[in-house]
Amino acid sequence: MVIEQNTFNKKDFLDLFQKRFFSFCEKSPLFLRFTILDDCVLVYDLSTDPEACPLEFKFDFSKNEKVNIKIIKDYLMENNYPVITITNEQSRSPTALEIQECMHRSRLSFSEASKISITKKTVREYRVEKILNTDNRVIIRDLDNDTLDMYSVRIPVTIFNRELFNNIENATDIFIKKCKKIKSVLDKQKA
């Protein structure tokens, strides 16, 4: 009778982890550095602070390196990934019914109530999840309807990525004017 024996090789795990984690860091919108120790990885997010303290993630050797990287990715995505907020305001004159309601509610005259404009404000949030430097594209999640889309950027994607951390208003303007949605992307987390 042959008994199958699974032997754990820590060196192979760390080598494979380093290779795959480096690939993850290259595609991340964050400016990451990392140091691998025997039982953990120290991740430095230099996106907003070049003197950032490391985040320590202990390895779970009972799981493969992909699961360990996913734990780190999920944490960084939730806490560190840049979010673009787009606010649209639209003003309009009130309708006759709205003027009447305003007059009744606020005890205003007709001339005062008709001068009030009604403003509708909509907010949409997008999270940049992946940077594809070679293709000058980004993968962005629409947080309102939880869809993942690929966008082409008409300027170098590194400039757009830098602006996400240095000047979010400028990054929002770049997103609105210089990014074009190419296609929807399959979300592997949901599949």
N, C-alpha and C. Protein backbone atom coordinates (compact mmCIF):
# COMPACT_ATOMS: atom_id res chain seq x y z
N MET A 1 0.85 -1.17 0.00
CA MET A 1 0.00 0.00 0.00
C MET A 1 0.89 1.23 0.00
N VAL A 2 0.61 2.16 -0.92
CA VAL A 2 1.39 3.38 -1.04
C VAL A 2 0.62 4.48 -0.32
N ILE A 3 1.32 5.16 0.54
CA ILE A 3 0.71 6.26 1.28
C ILE A 3 1.21 7.56 0.67
N GLU A 4 0.26 8.40 0.25
CA GLU A 4 0.64 9.69 -0.32
C GLU A 4 0.98 10.62 0.83
N GLN A 5 2.11 11.27 0.68
CA GLN A 5 2.55 12.15 1.76
C GLN A 5 2.74 13.55 1.20
N ASN A 6 2.04 14.49 1.78
CA ASN A 6 2.21 15.88 1.41
C ASN A 6 3.26 16.48 2.33
N THR A 7 4.36 16.86 1.74
CA THR A 7 5.40 17.51 2.54
C THR A 7 5.39 18.99 2.21
N PHE A 8 5.47 19.77 3.21
CA PHE A 8 5.45 21.22 3.04
C PHE A 8 6.88 21.71 2.94
N ASN A 9 7.16 22.45 1.89
CA ASN A 9 8.48 23.02 1.70
C ASN A 9 8.35 24.53 1.83
N LYS A 10 8.83 25.08 2.93
CA LYS A 10 8.70 26.50 3.23
C LYS A 10 9.42 27.35 2.20
N LYS A 11 10.58 26.91 1.76
CA LYS A 11 11.36 27.68 0.79
C LYS A 11 10.59 27.80 -0.53
N ASP A 12 9.99 26.71 -0.99
CA ASP A 12 9.19 26.77 -2.22
C ASP A 12 8.00 27.69 -2.06
N PHE A 13 7.35 27.62 -0.92
CA PHE A 13 6.20 28.50 -0.63
C PHE A 13 6.65 29.97 -0.72
N LEU A 14 7.74 30.31 -0.06
CA LEU A 14 8.22 31.70 -0.03
C LEU A 14 8.66 32.17 -1.41
N ASP A 15 9.31 31.30 -2.18
CA ASP A 15 9.72 31.66 -3.53
C ASP A 15 8.51 31.93 -4.42
N LEU A 16 7.55 31.07 -4.36
CA LEU A 16 6.34 31.24 -5.16
C LEU A 16 5.54 32.46 -4.69
N PHE A 17 5.47 32.66 -3.39
CA PHE A 17 4.79 33.83 -2.85
C PHE A 17 5.45 35.10 -3.37
N GLN A 18 6.77 35.16 -3.31
CA GLN A 18 7.49 36.35 -3.75
C GLN A 18 7.23 36.65 -5.22
N LYS A 19 7.27 35.64 -6.04
CA LYS A 19 7.04 35.82 -7.47
C LYS A 19 5.63 36.35 -7.74
N ARG A 20 4.64 35.74 -7.13
CA ARG A 20 3.25 36.14 -7.37
C ARG A 20 2.91 37.48 -6.70
N PHE A 21 3.48 37.72 -5.53
CA PHE A 21 3.20 38.97 -4.85
C PHE A 21 3.85 40.15 -5.59
N PHE A 22 5.01 39.92 -6.17
CA PHE A 22 5.65 40.95 -6.98
C PHE A 22 4.76 41.32 -8.17
N SER A 23 4.18 40.32 -8.81
CA SER A 23 3.26 40.55 -9.93
C SER A 23 2.04 41.35 -9.47
N PHE A 24 1.50 41.00 -8.31
CA PHE A 24 0.37 41.75 -7.75
C PHE A 24 0.76 43.21 -7.51
N CYS A 25 1.93 43.44 -6.94
CA CYS A 25 2.39 44.81 -6.63
C CYS A 25 2.56 45.64 -7.90
N GLU A 26 3.01 45.04 -8.98
CA GLU A 26 3.18 45.75 -10.24
C GLU A 26 1.85 46.26 -10.79
N LYS A 27 0.79 45.51 -10.58
CA LYS A 27 -0.52 45.87 -11.13
C LYS A 27 -1.38 46.68 -10.16
N SER A 28 -0.95 46.77 -8.94
CA SER A 28 -1.71 47.50 -7.93
C SER A 28 -1.61 49.00 -8.19
N PRO A 29 -2.69 49.75 -7.91
CA PRO A 29 -2.61 51.20 -8.04
C PRO A 29 -1.77 51.84 -6.92
N LEU A 30 -1.45 51.06 -5.92
CA LEU A 30 -0.64 51.57 -4.81
C LEU A 30 0.83 51.45 -5.16
N PHE A 31 1.65 52.30 -4.54
CA PHE A 31 3.09 52.21 -4.69
C PHE A 31 3.60 51.36 -3.52
N LEU A 32 3.79 50.09 -3.79
CA LEU A 32 4.10 49.13 -2.73
C LEU A 32 5.54 48.66 -2.77
N ARG A 33 6.09 48.44 -1.59
CA ARG A 33 7.36 47.75 -1.39
C ARG A 33 7.08 46.67 -0.36
N PHE A 34 7.86 45.59 -0.39
CA PHE A 34 7.62 44.54 0.59
C PHE A 34 8.91 43.85 0.96
N THR A 35 8.90 43.29 2.16
CA THR A 35 10.01 42.50 2.67
C THR A 35 9.43 41.20 3.20
N ILE A 36 9.99 40.09 2.72
CA ILE A 36 9.51 38.79 3.16
C ILE A 36 10.42 38.28 4.27
N LEU A 37 9.79 37.92 5.39
CA LEU A 37 10.49 37.32 6.52
C LEU A 37 10.09 35.85 6.59
N ASP A 38 10.58 35.12 7.56
CA ASP A 38 10.29 33.69 7.67
C ASP A 38 8.82 33.37 7.85
N ASP A 39 8.12 34.19 8.63
CA ASP A 39 6.73 33.86 8.95
C ASP A 39 5.73 34.95 8.56
N CYS A 40 6.22 36.01 7.91
CA CYS A 40 5.32 37.10 7.54
C CYS A 40 5.91 37.91 6.38
N VAL A 41 5.09 38.81 5.88
CA VAL A 41 5.54 39.76 4.87
C VAL A 41 5.23 41.16 5.40
N LEU A 42 6.19 42.06 5.25
CA LEU A 42 6.00 43.46 5.63
C LEU A 42 5.71 44.23 4.35
N VAL A 43 4.57 44.90 4.31
CA VAL A 43 4.14 45.64 3.13
C VAL A 43 4.16 47.13 3.46
N TYR A 44 4.88 47.88 2.62
CA TYR A 44 4.99 49.32 2.79
C TYR A 44 4.16 49.99 1.69
N ASP A 45 3.15 50.75 2.08
CA ASP A 45 2.35 51.50 1.12
C ASP A 45 2.92 52.91 1.07
N LEU A 46 3.69 53.20 0.02
CA LEU A 46 4.36 54.49 -0.11
C LEU A 46 3.55 55.48 -0.94
N SER A 47 2.30 55.19 -1.19
CA SER A 47 1.45 56.01 -2.04
C SER A 47 1.26 57.42 -1.51
N THR A 48 1.00 57.54 -0.24
CA THR A 48 0.75 58.86 0.35
C THR A 48 1.85 59.30 1.29
N ASP A 49 2.63 58.35 1.81
CA ASP A 49 3.66 58.67 2.78
C ASP A 49 4.93 57.86 2.48
N PRO A 50 6.01 58.54 2.02
CA PRO A 50 7.24 57.79 1.72
C PRO A 50 7.91 57.20 2.95
N GLU A 51 7.50 57.62 4.13
CA GLU A 51 8.05 57.11 5.39
C GLU A 51 7.06 56.18 6.09
N ALA A 52 6.17 55.58 5.33
CA ALA A 52 5.09 54.76 5.90
C ALA A 52 5.63 53.59 6.71
N CYS A 53 4.94 53.32 7.80
CA CYS A 53 5.25 52.14 8.62
C CYS A 53 4.72 50.91 7.89
N PRO A 54 5.38 49.78 8.06
CA PRO A 54 4.93 48.59 7.34
C PRO A 54 3.67 47.98 7.94
N LEU A 55 2.91 47.35 7.07
CA LEU A 55 1.77 46.54 7.50
C LEU A 55 2.27 45.11 7.54
N GLU A 56 2.06 44.43 8.65
CA GLU A 56 2.55 43.06 8.80
C GLU A 56 1.43 42.07 8.56
N PHE A 57 1.70 41.12 7.67
CA PHE A 57 0.74 40.06 7.37
C PHE A 57 1.42 38.73 7.63
N LYS A 58 0.91 38.00 8.61
CA LYS A 58 1.44 36.67 8.94
C LYS A 58 1.03 35.67 7.87
N PHE A 59 1.92 34.78 7.53
CA PHE A 59 1.61 33.73 6.58
C PHE A 59 0.76 32.66 7.24
N ASP A 60 -0.22 32.18 6.51
CA ASP A 60 -0.97 31.02 6.92
C ASP A 60 -0.48 29.87 6.04
N PHE A 61 0.46 29.10 6.57
CA PHE A 61 1.10 28.06 5.78
C PHE A 61 0.17 26.88 5.48
N SER A 62 -0.99 26.85 6.12
CA SER A 62 -1.95 25.79 5.81
C SER A 62 -2.69 26.09 4.50
N LYS A 63 -2.55 27.34 4.01
CA LYS A 63 -3.17 27.72 2.74
C LYS A 63 -2.08 28.05 1.73
N ASN A 64 -2.42 27.98 0.46
CA ASN A 64 -1.40 28.26 -0.56
C ASN A 64 -1.11 29.76 -0.65
N GLU A 65 -0.12 30.11 -1.46
CA GLU A 65 0.33 31.50 -1.54
C GLU A 65 -0.74 32.40 -2.16
N LYS A 66 -1.58 31.88 -3.05
CA LYS A 66 -2.64 32.69 -3.64
C LYS A 66 -3.63 33.18 -2.59
N VAL A 67 -3.99 32.32 -1.67
CA VAL A 67 -4.92 32.69 -0.61
C VAL A 67 -4.28 33.74 0.30
N ASN A 68 -3.00 33.58 0.60
CA ASN A 68 -2.30 34.55 1.43
C ASN A 68 -2.25 35.92 0.74
N ILE A 69 -2.02 35.93 -0.56
CA ILE A 69 -1.99 37.19 -1.30
C ILE A 69 -3.38 37.80 -1.35
N LYS A 70 -4.42 36.99 -1.50
CA LYS A 70 -5.78 37.51 -1.52
C LYS A 70 -6.15 38.19 -0.21
N ILE A 71 -5.68 37.64 0.90
CA ILE A 71 -5.94 38.26 2.21
C ILE A 71 -5.32 39.65 2.25
N ILE A 72 -4.10 39.77 1.77
CA ILE A 72 -3.42 41.07 1.74
C ILE A 72 -4.14 42.02 0.78
N LYS A 73 -4.48 41.52 -0.40
CA LYS A 73 -5.16 42.34 -1.41
C LYS A 73 -6.49 42.86 -0.87
N ASP A 74 -7.28 42.00 -0.24
CA ASP A 74 -8.57 42.41 0.30
C ASP A 74 -8.41 43.51 1.35
N TYR A 75 -7.40 43.36 2.20
CA TYR A 75 -7.15 44.39 3.22
C TYR A 75 -6.78 45.72 2.56
N LEU A 76 -5.83 45.68 1.62
CA LEU A 76 -5.38 46.90 0.96
C LEU A 76 -6.51 47.54 0.15
N MET A 77 -7.31 46.72 -0.50
CA MET A 77 -8.41 47.24 -1.31
C MET A 77 -9.42 47.98 -0.43
N GLU A 78 -9.71 47.41 0.70
CA GLU A 78 -10.70 48.01 1.61
C GLU A 78 -10.17 49.29 2.27
N ASN A 79 -8.88 49.33 2.56
CA ASN A 79 -8.34 50.42 3.37
C ASN A 79 -7.45 51.42 2.64
N ASN A 80 -6.83 51.02 1.53
CA ASN A 80 -5.81 51.88 0.93
C ASN A 80 -6.06 52.26 -0.53
N TYR A 81 -6.83 51.47 -1.26
CA TYR A 81 -7.00 51.73 -2.69
C TYR A 81 -7.71 53.07 -2.90
N PRO A 82 -7.32 53.80 -3.96
CA PRO A 82 -7.91 55.12 -4.20
C PRO A 82 -9.35 55.03 -4.71
N VAL A 83 -10.17 55.94 -4.23
CA VAL A 83 -11.58 56.01 -4.63
C VAL A 83 -11.82 57.39 -5.25
N ILE A 84 -12.41 57.37 -6.43
CA ILE A 84 -12.76 58.60 -7.14
C ILE A 84 -14.24 58.86 -6.88
N THR A 85 -14.56 60.06 -6.42
CA THR A 85 -15.94 60.44 -6.17
C THR A 85 -16.34 61.52 -7.16
N ILE A 86 -17.40 61.26 -7.90
CA ILE A 86 -17.90 62.22 -8.88
C ILE A 86 -19.25 62.72 -8.39
N THR A 87 -19.34 64.03 -8.25
CA THR A 87 -20.58 64.66 -7.78
C THR A 87 -21.16 65.51 -8.90
N ASN A 88 -22.39 65.28 -9.22
CA ASN A 88 -23.10 66.08 -10.22
C ASN A 88 -24.22 66.83 -9.52
N GLU A 89 -24.26 68.14 -9.76
CA GLU A 89 -25.36 68.95 -9.21
C GLU A 89 -26.14 69.54 -10.37
N GLN A 90 -27.44 69.42 -10.29
CA GLN A 90 -28.31 69.98 -11.31
C GLN A 90 -29.34 70.85 -10.61
N SER A 91 -29.42 72.11 -11.05
CA SER A 91 -30.40 73.04 -10.48
C SER A 91 -31.48 73.29 -11.51
N ARG A 92 -32.68 73.49 -11.00
CA ARG A 92 -33.82 73.77 -11.87
C ARG A 92 -34.81 74.65 -11.11
N SER A 93 -35.71 75.24 -11.85
CA SER A 93 -36.77 76.04 -11.25
C SER A 93 -37.85 75.11 -10.72
N PRO A 94 -38.51 75.50 -9.65
CA PRO A 94 -39.55 74.62 -9.11
C PRO A 94 -40.81 74.64 -9.98
N THR A 95 -41.53 73.53 -9.92
CA THR A 95 -42.82 73.44 -10.62
C THR A 95 -43.87 74.18 -9.79
N ALA A 96 -45.04 74.37 -10.37
CA ALA A 96 -46.13 75.07 -9.68
C ALA A 96 -46.51 74.34 -8.39
N LEU A 97 -46.55 73.02 -8.44
CA LEU A 97 -46.89 72.23 -7.27
C LEU A 97 -45.82 72.39 -6.17
N GLU A 98 -44.56 72.40 -6.58
CA GLU A 98 -43.47 72.58 -5.61
C GLU A 98 -43.49 73.98 -5.00
N ILE A 99 -43.85 74.98 -5.80
CA ILE A 99 -43.97 76.35 -5.27
C ILE A 99 -45.09 76.40 -4.22
N GLN A 100 -46.19 75.75 -4.54
CA GLN A 100 -47.32 75.73 -3.61
C GLN A 100 -46.93 75.03 -2.31
N GLU A 101 -46.25 73.89 -2.40
CA GLU A 101 -45.81 73.17 -1.20
C GLU A 101 -44.84 74.01 -0.38
N CYS A 102 -43.93 74.70 -1.07
CA CYS A 102 -42.95 75.55 -0.39
C CYS A 102 -43.64 76.72 0.31
N MET A 103 -44.62 77.30 -0.34
CA MET A 103 -45.37 78.41 0.26
C MET A 103 -46.08 77.95 1.52
N HIS A 104 -46.69 76.77 1.45
CA HIS A 104 -47.43 76.23 2.59
C HIS A 104 -46.48 75.85 3.74
N ARG A 105 -45.41 75.12 3.39
CA ARG A 105 -44.48 74.59 4.40
C ARG A 105 -43.68 75.72 5.07
N SER A 106 -43.14 76.62 4.26
CA SER A 106 -42.22 77.65 4.79
C SER A 106 -42.88 79.00 5.01
N ARG A 107 -44.18 79.10 4.69
CA ARG A 107 -44.92 80.35 4.85
C ARG A 107 -44.25 81.49 4.10
N LEU A 108 -43.93 81.21 2.82
CA LEU A 108 -43.31 82.21 1.96
C LEU A 108 -44.35 82.76 0.99
N SER A 109 -44.06 83.95 0.46
CA SER A 109 -44.93 84.50 -0.57
C SER A 109 -44.65 83.79 -1.89
N PHE A 110 -45.54 84.01 -2.87
CA PHE A 110 -45.36 83.36 -4.17
C PHE A 110 -44.05 83.78 -4.82
N SER A 111 -43.73 85.07 -4.76
CA SER A 111 -42.50 85.56 -5.41
C SER A 111 -41.25 84.97 -4.74
N GLU A 112 -41.29 84.83 -3.41
CA GLU A 112 -40.14 84.25 -2.70
C GLU A 112 -40.00 82.75 -3.01
N ALA A 113 -41.11 82.03 -3.02
CA ALA A 113 -41.07 80.59 -3.26
C ALA A 113 -40.68 80.25 -4.69
N SER A 114 -41.03 81.12 -5.65
CA SER A 114 -40.69 80.84 -7.05
C SER A 114 -39.23 81.12 -7.35
N LYS A 115 -38.54 81.86 -6.50
CA LYS A 115 -37.12 82.15 -6.71
C LYS A 115 -36.21 81.01 -6.22
N ILE A 116 -36.74 80.14 -5.40
CA ILE A 116 -35.94 79.04 -4.85
C ILE A 116 -35.67 78.04 -5.97
N SER A 117 -34.42 77.63 -6.10
CA SER A 117 -34.11 76.61 -7.11
C SER A 117 -33.97 75.26 -6.41
N ILE A 118 -34.32 74.24 -7.14
CA ILE A 118 -34.25 72.88 -6.60
C ILE A 118 -32.99 72.24 -7.15
N THR A 119 -32.15 71.77 -6.24
CA THR A 119 -30.87 71.18 -6.62
C THR A 119 -30.91 69.68 -6.38
N LYS A 120 -30.52 68.96 -7.41
CA LYS A 120 -30.44 67.52 -7.29
C LYS A 120 -28.96 67.15 -7.35
N LYS A 121 -28.53 66.40 -6.36
CA LYS A 121 -27.12 66.05 -6.26
C LYS A 121 -26.98 64.53 -6.36
N THR A 122 -26.15 64.09 -7.29
CA THR A 122 -25.88 62.66 -7.42
C THR A 122 -24.39 62.42 -7.20
N VAL A 123 -24.10 61.35 -6.52
CA VAL A 123 -22.71 61.01 -6.22
C VAL A 123 -22.47 59.58 -6.70
N ARG A 124 -21.37 59.41 -7.43
CA ARG A 124 -20.95 58.08 -7.86
C ARG A 124 -19.52 57.88 -7.39
N GLU A 125 -19.23 56.66 -6.94
CA GLU A 125 -17.88 56.35 -6.48
C GLU A 125 -17.29 55.21 -7.31
N TYR A 126 -16.02 55.37 -7.63
CA TYR A 126 -15.28 54.39 -8.40
C TYR A 126 -13.97 54.09 -7.67
N ARG A 127 -13.60 52.80 -7.62
CA ARG A 127 -12.33 52.42 -6.99
C ARG A 127 -11.40 51.85 -8.07
N VAL A 128 -10.21 52.41 -8.15
CA VAL A 128 -9.20 51.93 -9.09
C VAL A 128 -8.62 50.66 -8.49
N GLU A 129 -8.75 49.53 -9.22
CA GLU A 129 -8.32 48.25 -8.66
C GLU A 129 -7.08 47.66 -9.34
N LYS A 130 -6.83 48.04 -10.58
CA LYS A 130 -5.66 47.47 -11.25
C LYS A 130 -5.14 48.44 -12.30
N ILE A 131 -3.82 48.52 -12.39
CA ILE A 131 -3.15 49.36 -13.37
C ILE A 131 -2.45 48.44 -14.37
N LEU A 132 -2.71 48.64 -15.66
CA LEU A 132 -2.06 47.86 -16.70
C LEU A 132 -1.17 48.83 -17.49
N ASN A 133 0.05 49.02 -17.00
CA ASN A 133 0.96 50.01 -17.58
C ASN A 133 1.25 49.78 -19.05
N THR A 134 1.50 48.54 -19.43
CA THR A 134 1.91 48.28 -20.81
C THR A 134 0.80 48.59 -21.81
N ASP A 135 -0.45 48.47 -21.41
CA ASP A 135 -1.58 48.74 -22.29
C ASP A 135 -2.18 50.12 -22.09
N ASN A 136 -1.67 50.85 -21.10
CA ASN A 136 -2.19 52.17 -20.74
C ASN A 136 -3.68 52.10 -20.42
N ARG A 137 -4.01 51.11 -19.58
CA ARG A 137 -5.40 50.88 -19.18
C ARG A 137 -5.48 50.71 -17.67
N VAL A 138 -6.69 50.89 -17.16
CA VAL A 138 -6.97 50.68 -15.74
C VAL A 138 -8.25 49.85 -15.62
N ILE A 139 -8.33 49.12 -14.53
CA ILE A 139 -9.56 48.39 -14.22
C ILE A 139 -10.15 49.07 -12.99
N ILE A 140 -11.40 49.48 -13.15
CA ILE A 140 -12.06 50.30 -12.13
C ILE A 140 -13.40 49.67 -11.77
N ARG A 141 -13.69 49.65 -10.46
CA ARG A 141 -14.96 49.13 -9.96
C ARG A 141 -15.91 50.29 -9.67
N ASP A 142 -17.10 50.22 -10.25
CA ASP A 142 -18.16 51.17 -9.92
C ASP A 142 -18.76 50.68 -8.61
N LEU A 143 -18.52 51.41 -7.54
CA LEU A 143 -18.95 50.97 -6.21
C LEU A 143 -20.47 51.07 -6.02
N ASP A 144 -21.14 51.85 -6.86
CA ASP A 144 -22.59 51.98 -6.72
C ASP A 144 -23.33 50.74 -7.20
N ASN A 145 -22.88 50.16 -8.31
CA ASN A 145 -23.55 48.95 -8.80
C ASN A 145 -22.63 47.74 -8.82
N ASP A 146 -21.45 47.87 -8.24
CA ASP A 146 -20.49 46.77 -8.04
C ASP A 146 -20.15 46.05 -9.35
N THR A 147 -19.83 46.84 -10.37
CA THR A 147 -19.37 46.26 -11.63
C THR A 147 -17.92 46.64 -11.86
N LEU A 148 -17.24 45.80 -12.61
CA LEU A 148 -15.82 45.99 -12.90
C LEU A 148 -15.67 46.26 -14.38
N ASP A 149 -14.99 47.38 -14.72
CA ASP A 149 -14.85 47.77 -16.12
C ASP A 149 -13.40 48.14 -16.43
N MET A 150 -13.01 47.92 -17.69
CA MET A 150 -11.68 48.30 -18.15
C MET A 150 -11.80 49.63 -18.89
N TYR A 151 -10.89 50.54 -18.57
CA TYR A 151 -10.87 51.86 -19.19
C TYR A 151 -9.53 52.08 -19.88
N SER A 152 -9.58 52.74 -21.03
CA SER A 152 -8.38 53.18 -21.71
C SER A 152 -8.10 54.61 -21.23
N VAL A 153 -6.85 54.92 -20.98
CA VAL A 153 -6.48 56.26 -20.49
C VAL A 153 -5.70 56.95 -21.60
N ARG A 154 -6.12 58.18 -21.96
CA ARG A 154 -5.49 58.89 -23.08
C ARG A 154 -4.25 59.67 -22.69
N ILE A 155 -3.81 59.53 -21.47
CA ILE A 155 -2.53 60.08 -21.03
C ILE A 155 -1.77 58.91 -20.42
N PRO A 156 -0.47 59.05 -20.16
CA PRO A 156 0.22 57.92 -19.51
C PRO A 156 -0.46 57.55 -18.20
N VAL A 157 -0.75 56.28 -18.04
CA VAL A 157 -1.48 55.79 -16.88
C VAL A 157 -0.71 56.07 -15.58
N THR A 158 0.60 56.16 -15.65
CA THR A 158 1.39 56.47 -14.45
C THR A 158 1.09 57.88 -13.94
N ILE A 159 0.81 58.81 -14.85
CA ILE A 159 0.45 60.18 -14.43
C ILE A 159 -0.90 60.16 -13.73
N PHE A 160 -1.86 59.45 -14.32
CA PHE A 160 -3.18 59.32 -13.71
C PHE A 160 -3.07 58.69 -12.33
N ASN A 161 -2.27 57.63 -12.23
CA ASN A 161 -2.10 56.94 -10.96
C ASN A 161 -1.45 57.86 -9.91
N ARG A 162 -0.46 58.62 -10.30
CA ARG A 162 0.20 59.55 -9.37
C ARG A 162 -0.80 60.59 -8.86
N GLU A 163 -1.64 61.10 -9.77
CA GLU A 163 -2.62 62.12 -9.39
C GLU A 163 -3.66 61.59 -8.40
N LEU A 164 -3.92 60.28 -8.43
CA LEU A 164 -4.89 59.69 -7.49
C LEU A 164 -4.47 59.94 -6.04
N PHE A 165 -3.18 60.07 -5.80
CA PHE A 165 -2.69 60.26 -4.44
C PHE A 165 -2.24 61.69 -4.17
N ASN A 166 -1.84 62.42 -5.22
CA ASN A 166 -1.36 63.79 -5.02
C ASN A 166 -2.45 64.83 -5.11
N ASN A 167 -3.41 64.63 -6.03
CA ASN A 167 -4.45 65.62 -6.26
C ASN A 167 -5.69 64.91 -6.77
N ILE A 168 -6.56 64.51 -5.86
CA ILE A 168 -7.72 63.70 -6.22
C ILE A 168 -8.70 64.47 -7.12
N GLU A 169 -8.78 65.81 -6.97
CA GLU A 169 -9.66 66.59 -7.86
C GLU A 169 -9.16 66.51 -9.30
N ASN A 170 -7.84 66.62 -9.47
CA ASN A 170 -7.25 66.50 -10.80
C ASN A 170 -7.44 65.09 -11.36
N ALA A 171 -7.29 64.08 -10.51
CA ALA A 171 -7.49 62.70 -10.94
C ALA A 171 -8.94 62.48 -11.36
N THR A 172 -9.89 63.08 -10.65
CA THR A 172 -11.30 62.97 -11.00
C THR A 172 -11.54 63.61 -12.37
N ASP A 173 -10.92 64.77 -12.59
CA ASP A 173 -11.05 65.45 -13.87
C ASP A 173 -10.46 64.60 -15.01
N ILE A 174 -9.31 63.98 -14.76
CA ILE A 174 -8.69 63.09 -15.75
C ILE A 174 -9.62 61.90 -16.03
N PHE A 175 -10.20 61.35 -14.98
CA PHE A 175 -11.10 60.20 -15.16
C PHE A 175 -12.29 60.58 -16.03
N ILE A 176 -12.87 61.74 -15.79
CA ILE A 176 -14.05 62.17 -16.54
C ILE A 176 -13.69 62.48 -18.00
N LYS A 177 -12.57 63.18 -18.22
CA LYS A 177 -12.25 63.68 -19.55
C LYS A 177 -11.33 62.78 -20.38
N LYS A 178 -10.50 61.98 -19.73
CA LYS A 178 -9.47 61.26 -20.49
C LYS A 178 -9.54 59.74 -20.37
N CYS A 179 -10.55 59.23 -19.69
CA CYS A 179 -10.71 57.78 -19.59
C CYS A 179 -11.95 57.36 -20.36
N LYS A 180 -11.79 56.30 -21.13
CA LYS A 180 -12.91 55.80 -21.93
C LYS A 180 -13.14 54.34 -21.59
N LYS A 181 -14.38 54.02 -21.27
CA LYS A 181 -14.73 52.63 -20.94
C LYS A 181 -14.62 51.78 -22.19
N ILE A 182 -13.87 50.68 -22.05
CA ILE A 182 -13.67 49.77 -23.18
C ILE A 182 -14.63 48.60 -23.09
N LYS A 183 -14.63 47.94 -21.93
CA LYS A 183 -15.47 46.75 -21.79
C LYS A 183 -15.65 46.42 -20.32
N SER A 184 -16.64 45.59 -20.05
CA SER A 184 -16.82 45.06 -18.70
C SER A 184 -15.87 43.89 -18.51
N VAL A 185 -15.44 43.69 -17.28
CA VAL A 185 -14.47 42.65 -16.97
C VAL A 185 -15.13 41.66 -16.03
N LEU A 186 -14.84 40.39 -16.23
CA LEU A 186 -15.35 39.34 -15.35
C LEU A 186 -14.72 39.51 -13.99
N ASP A 187 -15.53 39.58 -12.97
CA ASP A 187 -15.04 39.71 -11.60
C ASP A 187 -14.76 38.32 -11.06
N LYS A 188 -13.48 37.98 -10.91
CA LYS A 188 -13.10 36.64 -10.47
C LYS A 188 -13.55 36.37 -9.03
N GLN A 189 -13.71 37.41 -8.24
CA GLN A 189 -14.15 37.22 -6.85
C GLN A 189 -15.58 36.71 -6.79
N LYS A 190 -16.39 37.09 -7.77
CA LYS A 190 -17.80 36.67 -7.77
C LYS A 190 -18.00 35.36 -8.51
N ALA A 191 -17.07 35.03 -9.40
CA ALA A 191 -17.22 33.82 -10.23
C ALA A 191 -16.99 32.56 -9.43
